[in-house]
C-alpha atoms as a PDB file:
ATOM      1  CA  MET A   1     -49.557 -48.398 -44.972  1.00  0.00           C
ATOM      2  CA  SER A   2     -51.197 -51.698 -44.141  1.00  0.00           C
ATOM      3  CA  SER A   3     -50.834 -53.193 -40.698  1.00  0.00           C
ATOM      4  CA  LYS A   4     -48.688 -56.262 -40.243  1.00  0.00           C
ATOM      5  CA  LYS A   5     -49.483 -59.246 -38.067  1.00  0.00           C
ATOM      6  CA  ALA A   6     -46.946 -61.512 -36.426  1.00  0.00           C
ATOM      7  CA  TYR A   7     -47.262 -65.128 -37.490  1.00  0.00           C
ATOM      8  CA  PRO A   8     -45.068 -67.994 -36.255  1.00  0.00           C
ATOM      9  CA  LEU A   9     -43.746 -70.037 -39.156  1.00  0.00           C
ATOM     10  CA  ARG A  10     -42.421 -73.570 -39.032  1.00  0.00           C
ATOM     11  CA  ILE A  11     -40.175 -74.102 -42.017  1.00  0.00           C
ATOM     12  CA  ASN A  12     -37.836 -76.823 -43.243  1.00  0.00           C
ATOM     13  CA  SER A  13     -34.206 -75.916 -42.470  1.00  0.00           C
ATOM     14  CA  GLN A  14     -33.128 -76.386 -46.108  1.00  0.00           C
ATOM     15  CA  VAL A  15     -35.939 -74.141 -47.356  1.00  0.00           C
ATOM     16  CA  LEU A  16     -35.007 -71.528 -44.746  1.00  0.00           C
ATOM     17  CA  ALA A  17     -31.333 -71.663 -45.785  1.00  0.00           C
ATOM     18  CA  ALA A  18     -32.330 -71.171 -49.428  1.00  0.00           C
ATOM     19  CA  MET A  19     -34.569 -68.219 -48.477  1.00  0.00           C
ATOM     20  CA  GLN A  20     -31.694 -66.694 -46.471  1.00  0.00           C
ATOM     21  CA  ARG A  21     -29.356 -66.932 -49.480  1.00  0.00           C
ATOM     22  CA  TRP A  22     -32.004 -65.472 -51.804  1.00  0.00           C
ATOM     23  CA  ALA A  23     -32.779 -62.656 -49.342  1.00  0.00           C
ATOM     24  CA  GLY A  24     -29.065 -61.869 -49.125  1.00  0.00           C
ATOM     25  CA  ASP A  25     -28.786 -61.761 -52.920  1.00  0.00           C
ATOM     26  CA  ASP A  26     -31.727 -59.327 -53.087  1.00  0.00           C
ATOM     27  CA  LEU A  27     -30.532 -57.268 -50.078  1.00  0.00           C
ATOM     28  CA  ARG A  28     -33.728 -58.038 -48.145  1.00  0.00           C
ATOM     29  CA  SER A  29     -34.384 -59.458 -44.707  1.00  0.00           C
ATOM     30  CA  VAL A  30     -35.581 -63.067 -44.653  1.00  0.00           C
ATOM     31  CA  ASN A  31     -38.980 -61.859 -43.450  1.00  0.00           C
ATOM     32  CA  ALA A  32     -39.252 -59.376 -46.335  1.00  0.00           C
ATOM     33  CA  GLN A  33     -38.148 -62.072 -48.803  1.00  0.00           C
ATOM     34  CA  ILE A  34     -40.791 -64.529 -47.576  1.00  0.00           C
ATOM     35  CA  GLU A  35     -43.452 -61.802 -47.835  1.00  0.00           C
ATOM     36  CA  PHE A  36     -42.226 -60.898 -51.351  1.00  0.00           C
ATOM     37  CA  VAL A  37     -42.405 -64.533 -52.509  1.00  0.00           C
ATOM     38  CA  LEU A  38     -45.856 -65.041 -50.991  1.00  0.00           C
ATOM     39  CA  ARG A  39     -47.215 -61.811 -52.513  1.00  0.00           C
ATOM     40  CA  ASP A  40     -45.768 -62.706 -55.931  1.00  0.00           C
ATOM     41  CA  ALA A  41     -47.355 -66.176 -55.771  1.00  0.00           C
ATOM     42  CA  LEU A  42     -50.726 -64.656 -54.820  1.00  0.00           C
ATOM     43  CA  VAL A  43     -50.625 -62.230 -57.748  1.00  0.00           C
ATOM     44  CA  LYS A  44     -49.520 -64.887 -60.252  1.00  0.00           C
ATOM     45  CA  SER A  45     -52.264 -67.269 -59.129  1.00  0.00           C
ATOM     46  CA  GLY A  46     -54.891 -64.538 -59.498  1.00  0.00           C
ATOM     47  CA  ARG A  47     -55.834 -64.568 -55.811  1.00  0.00           C
ATOM     48  CA  VAL A  48     -54.970 -60.893 -55.319  1.00  0.00           C
ATOM     49  CA  LYS A  49     -54.744 -57.988 -57.712  1.00  0.00           C
ATOM     50  CA  VAL A  50     -51.888 -55.496 -57.926  1.00  0.00           C
ATOM     51  CA  ILE A  51     -53.394 -52.065 -57.326  1.00  0.00           C
ATOM     52  CA  GLN A  52     -50.301 -49.885 -57.695  1.00  0.00           C
ATOM     53  CA  LYS A  53     -46.625 -50.474 -58.353  1.00  0.00           C
ATOM     54  CA  VAL A  54     -44.105 -48.221 -56.657  1.00  0.00           C
ATOM     55  CA  VAL A  55     -41.686 -46.492 -59.032  1.00  0.00           C
ATOM     56  CA  THR A  56     -38.463 -44.955 -57.802  1.00  0.00           C
ATOM     57  CA  GLU A  57     -36.879 -42.182 -59.821  1.00  0.00           C
ATOM     58  CA  VAL A  58     -33.087 -42.242 -59.950  1.00  0.00           C
ATOM     59  CA  VAL A  59     -31.561 -38.783 -59.794  1.00  0.00           C
ATOM     60  CA  ASP A  60     -27.950 -37.974 -60.582  1.00  0.00           C
ATOM     61  CA  ILE A  61     -26.733 -36.051 -57.526  1.00  0.00           C
ATOM     62  CA  ALA A  62     -23.950 -34.254 -59.423  1.00  0.00           C
ATOM     63  CA  ARG A  63     -26.497 -32.899 -61.944  1.00  0.00           C
ATOM     64  CA  THR A  64     -28.794 -31.614 -59.217  1.00  0.00           C
ATOM     65  CA  GLN A  65     -25.949 -29.523 -57.790  1.00  0.00           C
ATOM     66  CA  GLU A  66     -25.252 -27.770 -61.121  1.00  0.00           C
ATOM     67  CA  ALA A  67     -26.768 -24.410 -61.942  1.00  0.00           C
ATOM     68  CA  PRO A  68     -30.097 -24.795 -63.800  1.00  0.00           C
ATOM     69  CA  GLU A  69     -28.716 -23.228 -66.984  1.00  0.00           C
ATOM     70  CA  GLN A  70     -25.943 -25.867 -67.128  1.00  0.00           C
ATOM     71  CA  ARG A  71     -28.321 -28.841 -67.018  1.00  0.00           C
ATOM     72  CA  ALA A  72     -29.300 -30.622 -70.184  1.00  0.00           C
ATOM     73  CA  PRO A  73     -33.042 -30.667 -70.885  1.00  0.00           C
ATOM     74  CA  LYS A  74     -34.880 -33.684 -69.495  1.00  0.00           C
ATOM     75  CA  GLN A  75     -35.788 -36.382 -71.977  1.00  0.00           C
ATOM     76  CA  LYS A  76     -38.940 -38.431 -71.730  1.00  0.00           C
ATOM     77  CA  ALA A  77     -38.394 -42.102 -71.067  1.00  0.00           C
ATOM     78  CA  PRO A  78     -39.740 -44.467 -73.722  1.00  0.00           C
ATOM     79  CA  ASN A  79     -43.121 -46.013 -72.840  1.00  0.00           C
ATOM     80  CA  GLN A  80     -44.380 -42.779 -71.248  1.00  0.00           C
END
């Protein structure tokens, strides 16, 4: 995990309010939302390169509690 540095930020109150609403919509903290927006802008402008994207696998809890012989065989997702 990379280290994080504290950085004081002066920001227009209207921009901050918009970031707070957006962060709330995305279930992020305002700090995480600002970092997300900055990172996205850096990638889109070609100033940094995405090395690895994190993928989260969704598992059905009810299926994991069934006996193995009752589970349906796993299917490969398209694009794999």
